[in-house]
Amino acid sequence: MYDVIVVGARCAGAPTAMLLARSGYRVLLLERATFPRDTLSTHYIHQPGVARLASWGLLDAVAASGCPPLDQAVYEVADVRLTGCSVAVEGQRAAYAPRRHVLDRILADGAVASGAELREGCSVVGLLRDDDGRVCGVRCRSSLGGEFEERARLVVGADGMRSAVARLAGAAPVIEDPRLTCVYYTYWTDVPATFELYEAPGRWVGAAPTNDGATCVAAYFPQGEFETVKADVEKAYLENIRATAPDMYERLRSGRRAERMYGTGDQQNFFRQAHGPGWVLVGDAGHHKDSITARGITDAFFQAELLAGLVVQVGADLHDEAALTRALHRYGRERDRQLAEIYENTLIVARLEVQEQSLAMLRAIASDPETVQRYFSTVAGACSIRELYTEELLSRL
């Protein structure tokens, strides 16, 4: 009998398992893949996420992997170009964009070093329930063959947007919005870049340096163009960059494409029911949004820390069912409250519409480095969007 079983050992599950194990809980961490294993990702970790890596003692490993610190951001749209960076969060001013086969291994190793038991190559095929219908464990299939069962006081679903735990638990969407974009990206060498964002009507381009001297460059399109783009990905990708980010396009022409194209048209936008009797969801399993604002990893870290902190308050053995239920209720409320603003802002950005009101605001702040810093701080989640609109800025609009 474990105290907690965490399903999914990536950006949400591994930190959850690590933090609970550090607090003395007996934790089983299950992962369908076998590490190192890549996955679709923007890679980007905003400053609040970097601060959590530092506080967990894992940032040094990310830096040692050769992933460069990113302490400057560029955003271009129409006639506006902003250059700056977010304020520091707990002393961390730089962002990072590690490859996922690097980051996920670091996170999983951190969980194991903290006392969690990791089993790779294990897929959850069922949830165990007690006589009252409360989830009390999982049934798994191993990639080595055969099935097994394990039991715990709490099952954490951290198994991504298509979460098996969410499906098996019957976690219903509480907020759901249409898919808005599709995206393709690849990696380029000999392409100097920082964290760069370019916007045009119906188009978006993002770039971030990552491991091995490579730069990840992504091109976003409206969801309605997915089938057309998919028919000739390379042509659509390069044309998007040429039209939206001409300077980036010229740098790509002087560089070398290092890998195949990666992409998806399935960028769902939702909040699912956060928890139920004996189960709870973290990361993309419970809340997913378009990747255009690159908040998935940072928000997964936030949810892991929030959940672990509340579970620890329940007590050593998690047998106080009423206290555990209260903790999970609070987790769900805080998750929804803290992530609502960036969710709504992501939907606005993902519509790929250049609004004249937004351009007026950007023109008003472009010449003021302090306000530009505050703008990039809102992008990072280091401060609220409401904090950007000071009385002085509003008077200039």
Protein backbone atom coordinates (compact mmCIF):
# COMPACT_ATOMS: atom_id res chain seq x y z
CA MET A 1 0.00 0.00 0.00
CA TYR A 2 1.44 3.37 -1.08
CA ASP A 3 0.39 6.72 0.30
CA VAL A 4 0.25 8.25 -3.20
CA ILE A 5 0.44 6.86 -6.73
CA VAL A 6 1.37 9.48 -9.35
CA VAL A 7 0.57 8.55 -12.95
CA GLY A 8 2.88 10.41 -15.35
CA ALA A 9 6.50 11.31 -14.59
CA ARG A 10 7.00 14.46 -16.63
CA CYS A 11 6.60 18.16 -15.77
CA ALA A 12 3.62 17.81 -13.43
CA GLY A 13 3.96 14.27 -12.08
CA ALA A 14 7.67 14.09 -11.29
CA PRO A 15 7.72 17.30 -9.17
CA THR A 16 4.52 16.19 -7.38
CA ALA A 17 6.11 12.83 -6.55
CA MET A 18 9.37 14.49 -5.55
CA LEU A 19 7.78 16.99 -3.16
CA LEU A 20 5.54 14.37 -1.53
CA ALA A 21 8.43 11.94 -1.15
CA ARG A 22 10.54 14.66 0.46
CA SER A 23 7.73 15.09 3.00
CA GLY A 24 7.94 11.44 3.98
CA TYR A 25 5.14 9.90 1.92
CA ARG A 26 5.58 6.55 0.22
CA VAL A 27 5.13 7.46 -3.45
CA LEU A 28 4.91 5.28 -6.55
CA LEU A 29 5.59 7.16 -9.81
CA LEU A 30 4.38 5.48 -13.00
CA GLU A 31 5.40 6.51 -16.52
CA ARG A 32 4.18 5.06 -19.81
CA ALA A 33 7.40 5.99 -21.65
CA THR A 34 10.95 4.90 -21.00
CA PHE A 35 13.33 7.81 -20.42
CA PRO A 36 14.99 9.58 -22.12
CA ARG A 37 11.98 10.21 -24.36
CA ASP A 38 11.04 13.38 -26.21
CA THR A 39 7.53 14.85 -26.37
CA LEU A 40 5.83 17.77 -28.12
CA SER A 41 6.66 20.94 -26.22
CA THR A 42 7.48 24.63 -26.44
CA HIS A 43 10.34 23.85 -23.97
CA TYR A 44 10.14 27.35 -22.48
CA ILE A 45 10.18 27.75 -18.70
CA HIS A 46 9.23 31.26 -17.55
CA GLN A 47 10.92 32.90 -14.57
CA PRO A 48 8.39 31.64 -11.95
CA GLY A 49 9.04 28.09 -13.15
CA VAL A 50 12.80 28.63 -13.09
CA ALA A 51 12.48 29.90 -9.50
CA ARG A 52 10.75 26.65 -8.56
CA LEU A 53 13.50 24.58 -10.20
CA ALA A 54 16.05 26.54 -8.16
CA SER A 55 14.13 26.07 -4.91
CA TRP A 56 13.87 22.31 -5.61
CA GLY A 57 17.63 22.08 -6.22
CA LEU A 58 17.26 21.11 -9.90
CA LEU A 59 18.21 24.29 -11.76
CA ASP A 60 21.92 23.53 -11.67
CA ALA A 61 21.29 20.28 -13.55
CA VAL A 62 19.32 22.13 -16.24
CA ALA A 63 22.11 24.71 -16.63
CA ALA A 64 24.75 21.95 -16.67
CA SER A 65 22.93 20.25 -19.56
CA GLY A 66 24.14 23.03 -21.85
CA CYS A 67 20.77 24.76 -22.07
CA PRO A 68 21.52 28.51 -22.22
CA PRO A 69 19.94 31.06 -19.87
CA LEU A 70 17.62 33.48 -21.69
CA ASP A 71 17.64 36.93 -20.13
CA GLN A 72 16.33 38.92 -23.09
CA ALA A 73 13.05 38.69 -24.97
CA VAL A 74 11.97 40.27 -28.25
CA TYR A 75 8.39 40.82 -29.37
CA GLU A 76 7.51 42.29 -32.78
CA VAL A 77 4.09 43.10 -34.21
CA ALA A 78 3.25 45.64 -36.93
CA ASP A 79 5.48 48.69 -36.33
CA VAL A 80 6.25 47.81 -32.70
CA ARG A 81 9.38 46.08 -31.40
CA LEU A 82 9.82 45.48 -27.68
CA THR A 83 13.10 44.26 -26.21
CA GLY A 84 13.48 43.48 -22.54
CA CYS A 85 13.00 40.86 -19.87
CA SER A 86 10.77 39.97 -16.95
CA VAL A 87 11.60 41.07 -13.44
CA ALA A 88 13.51 38.50 -11.43
CA VAL A 89 11.46 35.97 -9.48
CA GLU A 90 13.15 34.88 -6.25
CA GLY A 91 16.44 36.00 -7.73
CA GLN A 92 15.92 34.23 -11.07
CA ARG A 93 15.88 36.67 -13.99
CA ALA A 94 16.71 34.24 -16.80
CA ALA A 95 14.33 31.80 -18.45
CA TYR A 96 15.36 28.41 -19.90
CA ALA A 97 14.08 26.28 -22.77
CA PRO A 98 15.51 22.76 -22.29
CA ARG A 99 14.72 19.86 -24.59
CA ARG A 100 12.15 17.63 -22.97
CA HIS A 101 14.26 14.48 -23.12
CA VAL A 102 16.72 16.45 -20.95
CA LEU A 103 14.29 18.17 -18.58
CA ASP A 104 12.01 15.19 -17.95
CA ARG A 105 14.96 12.97 -17.05
CA ILE A 106 16.19 15.59 -14.56
CA LEU A 107 12.74 15.84 -12.98
CA ALA A 108 12.29 12.07 -12.76
CA ASP A 109 15.76 11.64 -11.28
CA GLY A 110 14.90 14.31 -8.73
CA ALA A 111 11.82 12.36 -7.68
CA VAL A 112 13.80 9.12 -7.32
CA ALA A 113 16.58 10.85 -5.37
CA SER A 114 13.88 12.14 -3.00
CA GLY A 115 12.59 8.63 -2.30
CA ALA A 116 9.86 8.04 -4.89
CA GLU A 117 9.76 4.67 -6.63
CA LEU A 118 9.75 5.08 -10.43
CA ARG A 119 8.43 2.43 -12.80
CA GLU A 120 8.81 3.22 -16.47
CA GLY A 121 6.99 1.53 -19.35
CA CYS A 122 3.75 1.24 -17.35
CA SER A 123 0.34 2.26 -18.75
CA VAL A 124 -2.70 2.66 -16.52
CA VAL A 125 -5.61 0.63 -17.88
CA GLY A 126 -7.99 0.85 -14.93
CA LEU A 127 -8.70 2.42 -11.55
CA LEU A 128 -9.36 0.34 -8.45
CA ARG A 129 -12.28 1.36 -6.24
CA ASP A 130 -13.39 0.38 -2.75
CA ASP A 131 -16.92 -0.59 -1.78
CA ASP A 132 -17.93 3.08 -1.52
CA GLY A 133 -16.70 3.85 -5.06
CA ARG A 134 -13.64 5.72 -3.85
CA VAL A 135 -10.55 5.35 -6.05
CA CYS A 136 -7.97 3.34 -4.10
CA GLY A 137 -5.39 2.31 -6.68
CA VAL A 138 -4.56 1.53 -10.30
CA ARG A 139 -4.35 -1.41 -12.65
CA CYS A 140 -1.42 -1.19 -15.04
CA ARG A 141 0.01 -2.93 -18.06
CA SER A 142 3.78 -3.20 -18.29
CA SER A 143 5.70 -2.86 -21.52
CA LEU A 144 7.55 -5.99 -20.40
CA GLY A 145 4.27 -7.90 -20.46
CA GLY A 146 1.52 -8.63 -17.96
CA GLU A 147 -0.67 -6.53 -15.71
CA PHE A 148 -0.33 -5.56 -12.05
CA GLU A 149 -2.27 -3.64 -9.42
CA GLU A 150 -1.12 -1.18 -6.80
CA ARG A 151 -3.09 0.60 -4.09
CA ALA A 152 -2.81 4.01 -2.44
CA ARG A 153 -4.77 6.54 -0.43
CA LEU A 154 -4.53 9.02 -3.31
CA VAL A 155 -4.10 8.61 -7.08
CA VAL A 156 -2.68 11.63 -8.92
CA GLY A 157 -3.33 11.87 -12.66
CA ALA A 158 -0.43 13.73 -14.26
CA ASP A 159 -0.63 11.90 -17.56
CA GLY A 160 -1.22 14.72 -19.99
CA MET A 161 -4.00 16.25 -22.06
CA ARG A 162 -5.38 12.81 -23.01
CA SER A 163 -5.16 11.60 -19.42
CA ALA A 164 -6.20 8.00 -18.81
CA VAL A 165 -6.80 8.82 -15.14
CA ALA A 166 -9.15 11.68 -16.06
CA ARG A 167 -11.04 9.44 -18.50
CA LEU A 168 -11.32 6.51 -16.10
CA ALA A 169 -12.32 8.75 -13.19
CA GLY A 170 -14.97 10.51 -15.29
CA ALA A 171 -13.44 13.97 -14.84
CA ALA A 172 -15.80 16.24 -16.78
CA PRO A 173 -14.74 19.54 -18.43
CA VAL A 174 -15.89 22.50 -16.35
CA ILE A 175 -14.62 25.02 -18.91
CA GLU A 176 -14.04 24.13 -22.56
CA ASP A 177 -13.24 26.32 -25.55
CA PRO A 178 -12.62 25.50 -29.23
CA ARG A 179 -9.15 24.72 -30.58
CA LEU A 180 -7.69 27.91 -32.04
CA THR A 181 -4.27 27.20 -33.56
CA CYS A 182 -2.09 24.49 -35.04
CA VAL A 183 1.69 24.57 -34.78
CA TYR A 184 4.79 23.08 -36.37
CA TYR A 185 8.36 23.46 -35.19
CA THR A 186 11.86 22.13 -35.71
CA TYR A 187 15.43 22.79 -34.59
CA TRP A 188 18.10 24.86 -36.33
CA THR A 189 21.84 25.13 -35.71
CA ASP A 190 24.03 28.14 -36.43
CA VAL A 191 21.02 30.42 -35.92
CA PRO A 192 21.76 33.12 -33.29
CA ALA A 193 18.60 33.97 -31.34
CA THR A 194 17.15 34.81 -27.98
CA PHE A 195 13.55 34.28 -26.85
CA GLU A 196 11.74 35.87 -29.80
CA LEU A 197 8.06 36.32 -30.64
CA TYR A 198 6.61 37.67 -33.89
CA GLU A 199 2.94 38.32 -34.55
CA ALA A 200 0.95 39.15 -37.70
CA PRO A 201 -2.71 38.69 -38.63
CA GLY A 202 -3.35 34.94 -38.72
CA ARG A 203 0.29 34.11 -37.99
CA TRP A 204 2.68 33.75 -35.06
CA VAL A 205 6.37 32.74 -34.87
CA GLY A 206 8.36 31.91 -31.75
CA ALA A 207 12.02 31.02 -31.24
CA ALA A 208 14.09 29.90 -28.25
CA PRO A 209 17.65 28.57 -27.97
CA THR A 210 17.83 25.12 -26.37
CA ASN A 211 20.35 22.31 -25.82
CA ASP A 212 23.21 21.34 -28.15
CA GLY A 213 23.54 24.80 -29.69
CA ALA A 214 20.14 24.45 -31.39
CA THR A 215 17.30 26.95 -31.65
CA CYS A 216 13.69 25.77 -31.64
CA VAL A 217 11.64 27.80 -34.13
CA ALA A 218 7.84 27.35 -34.17
CA ALA A 219 5.22 28.61 -36.61
CA TYR A 220 1.55 28.94 -35.62
CA PHE A 221 -1.46 28.95 -37.96
CA PRO A 222 -5.23 29.19 -37.43
CA GLN A 223 -6.81 25.85 -36.57
CA GLY A 224 -8.94 26.04 -39.72
CA GLU A 225 -5.79 25.82 -41.88
CA PHE A 226 -4.51 22.61 -40.31
CA GLU A 227 -5.33 20.27 -43.20
CA THR A 228 -3.83 22.67 -45.76
CA VAL A 229 -0.68 23.19 -43.71
CA LYS A 230 -0.30 19.46 -43.05
CA ALA A 231 -0.41 18.76 -46.79
CA ASP A 232 2.92 20.60 -47.27
CA VAL A 233 4.31 21.40 -43.84
CA GLU A 234 7.75 22.64 -44.84
CA LYS A 235 6.41 25.07 -47.43
CA ALA A 236 3.78 26.50 -45.06
CA TYR A 237 6.26 26.70 -42.18
CA LEU A 238 8.91 28.60 -44.11
CA GLU A 239 6.41 30.92 -45.77
CA ASN A 240 4.92 31.79 -42.39
CA ILE A 241 8.37 32.70 -41.02
CA ARG A 242 9.34 34.60 -44.19
CA ALA A 243 6.20 36.76 -44.00
CA THR A 244 5.93 37.13 -40.21
CA ALA A 245 9.58 37.29 -39.14
CA PRO A 246 11.75 38.23 -42.16
CA ASP A 247 14.89 38.73 -40.11
CA MET A 248 14.48 35.28 -38.52
CA TYR A 249 13.91 33.81 -41.99
CA GLU A 250 17.24 35.22 -43.20
CA ARG A 251 19.00 33.74 -40.19
CA LEU A 252 17.46 30.35 -40.96
CA ARG A 253 18.74 30.55 -44.53
CA SER A 254 22.26 30.87 -43.13
CA GLY A 255 21.75 28.04 -40.65
CA ARG A 256 21.01 24.32 -40.88
CA ARG A 257 17.86 22.43 -40.04
CA ALA A 258 18.88 19.70 -37.60
CA GLU A 259 15.72 17.57 -37.25
CA ARG A 260 12.40 16.70 -38.84
CA MET A 261 9.25 18.76 -38.37
CA TYR A 262 7.11 18.24 -35.27
CA GLY A 263 3.60 19.55 -34.88
CA THR A 264 -0.01 19.18 -33.87
CA GLY A 265 -3.47 20.46 -34.63
CA ASP A 266 -4.85 19.18 -31.33
CA GLN A 267 -4.32 22.08 -28.96
CA GLN A 268 -7.25 21.74 -26.61
CA ASN A 269 -8.43 24.45 -24.24
CA PHE A 270 -10.12 23.30 -21.02
CA PHE A 271 -10.31 23.02 -17.27
CA ARG A 272 -11.41 19.58 -16.11
CA GLN A 273 -12.92 18.70 -12.76
CA ALA A 274 -9.85 18.83 -10.54
CA HIS A 275 -10.55 15.96 -8.16
CA GLY A 276 -12.94 13.35 -6.84
CA PRO A 277 -12.97 10.67 -4.12
CA GLY A 278 -9.42 9.34 -3.97
CA TRP A 279 -8.11 11.07 -7.11
CA VAL A 280 -6.82 14.43 -8.33
CA LEU A 281 -5.42 15.84 -11.59
CA VAL A 282 -2.32 18.02 -12.08
CA GLY A 283 -0.76 19.62 -15.15
CA ASP A 284 -2.24 19.07 -18.59
CA ALA A 285 -4.43 16.25 -17.28
CA GLY A 286 -6.61 18.79 -15.47
CA HIS A 287 -5.98 22.00 -17.39
CA HIS A 288 -4.67 22.53 -20.91
CA LYS A 289 -4.43 25.58 -23.13
CA ASP A 290 -2.93 26.53 -26.45
CA SER A 291 0.87 26.42 -26.37
CA ILE A 292 1.21 29.87 -27.96
CA THR A 293 1.91 31.50 -24.57
CA ALA A 294 4.36 28.71 -23.62
CA ARG A 295 2.93 28.38 -20.11
CA GLY A 296 2.47 24.62 -19.87
CA ILE A 297 5.67 23.71 -18.00
CA THR A 298 5.59 26.70 -15.67
CA ASP A 299 1.93 26.11 -14.81
CA ALA A 300 2.57 22.38 -14.25
CA PHE A 301 5.26 23.27 -11.70
CA PHE A 302 2.83 25.62 -9.96
CA GLN A 303 0.15 22.94 -9.72
CA ALA A 304 2.61 20.32 -8.44
CA GLU A 305 3.81 22.60 -5.66
CA LEU A 306 0.26 23.70 -4.78
CA LEU A 307 -1.07 20.15 -4.56
CA ALA A 308 1.89 18.75 -2.64
CA GLY A 309 1.77 21.57 -0.12
CA LEU A 310 -1.92 21.05 0.57
CA VAL A 311 -1.62 17.25 0.80
CA VAL A 312 1.22 17.56 3.30
CA GLN A 313 -1.09 19.58 5.56
CA VAL A 314 -3.50 16.63 5.76
CA GLY A 315 -1.11 14.54 7.86
CA ALA A 316 1.31 11.69 7.69
CA ASP A 317 -0.99 8.82 6.70
CA LEU A 318 -3.73 10.55 4.64
CA HIS A 319 -6.38 8.52 6.50
CA ASP A 320 -8.34 11.61 7.53
CA GLU A 321 -10.74 11.47 4.59
CA ALA A 322 -12.51 14.71 5.47
CA ALA A 323 -9.21 16.61 5.72
CA LEU A 324 -7.98 15.16 2.42
CA THR A 325 -11.23 16.14 0.71
CA ARG A 326 -10.91 19.69 2.03
CA ALA A 327 -7.34 19.87 0.76
CA LEU A 328 -8.35 18.69 -2.72
CA HIS A 329 -11.25 21.17 -2.81
CA ARG A 330 -8.84 23.98 -1.95
CA TYR A 331 -6.42 22.77 -4.61
CA GLY A 332 -9.15 22.89 -7.26
CA ARG A 333 -10.26 26.38 -6.23
CA GLU A 334 -6.72 27.75 -6.17
CA ARG A 335 -5.79 26.11 -9.46
CA ASP A 336 -8.76 27.67 -11.22
CA ARG A 337 -8.30 31.08 -9.58
CA GLN A 338 -4.57 31.33 -10.24
CA LEU A 339 -4.70 30.11 -13.85
CA ALA A 340 -7.89 31.83 -15.04
CA GLU A 341 -6.22 35.06 -16.17
CA ILE A 342 -3.52 33.45 -18.31
CA TYR A 343 -6.10 31.04 -19.74
CA GLU A 344 -8.27 33.92 -20.95
CA ASN A 345 -5.25 35.82 -22.25
CA THR A 346 -4.01 32.73 -24.08
CA LEU A 347 -7.34 32.42 -25.88
CA ILE A 348 -7.05 36.05 -26.96
CA VAL A 349 -3.51 35.56 -28.30
CA ALA A 350 -4.40 32.25 -29.97
CA ARG A 351 -7.11 33.90 -32.05
CA LEU A 352 -4.21 35.40 -34.03
CA GLU A 353 -5.97 38.73 -34.40
CA VAL A 354 -3.89 41.91 -34.21
CA GLN A 355 -6.12 44.31 -32.30
CA GLU A 356 -5.68 48.07 -32.78
CA GLN A 357 -6.30 48.59 -29.06
CA SER A 358 -3.39 46.27 -28.24
CA LEU A 359 -1.16 48.02 -30.76
CA ALA A 360 -1.97 51.37 -29.15
CA MET A 361 -0.95 50.00 -25.76
CA LEU A 362 2.30 48.55 -27.15
CA ARG A 363 3.18 51.83 -28.87
CA ALA A 364 2.53 53.66 -25.61
CA ILE A 365 4.96 51.50 -23.62
CA ALA A 366 7.67 50.94 -26.27
CA SER A 367 9.77 53.94 -25.24
CA ASP A 368 9.61 53.24 -21.48
CA PRO A 369 12.00 50.43 -20.40
CA GLU A 370 10.33 50.08 -16.99
CA THR A 371 6.90 49.50 -18.53
CA VAL A 372 8.38 47.16 -21.14
CA GLN A 373 9.85 45.13 -18.28
CA ARG A 374 6.45 45.03 -16.63
CA TYR A 375 4.92 43.88 -19.92
CA PHE A 376 7.37 40.96 -20.20
CA SER A 377 6.70 40.21 -16.53
CA THR A 378 3.01 39.70 -17.34
CA VAL A 379 4.00 37.36 -20.20
CA ALA A 380 6.09 35.35 -17.73
CA GLY A 381 3.40 35.33 -15.06
CA ALA A 382 5.64 37.26 -12.66
CA CYS A 383 2.91 39.86 -12.26
CA SER A 384 -0.75 40.20 -13.12
CA ILE A 385 -1.94 41.77 -16.36
CA ARG A 386 -3.88 44.21 -14.19
CA GLU A 387 -0.56 45.51 -12.83
CA LEU A 388 0.50 46.51 -16.34
CA TYR A 389 -2.32 49.00 -16.79
CA THR A 390 -1.18 51.73 -14.40
CA GLU A 391 -2.96 55.09 -14.29
CA GLU A 392 -0.04 56.63 -16.15
CA LEU A 393 -0.28 54.10 -18.98
CA LEU A 394 -4.04 54.46 -19.21
CA SER A 395 -3.63 58.24 -19.50
CA ARG A 396 -1.43 57.71 -22.59
CA LEU A 397 -3.93 55.51 -24.39
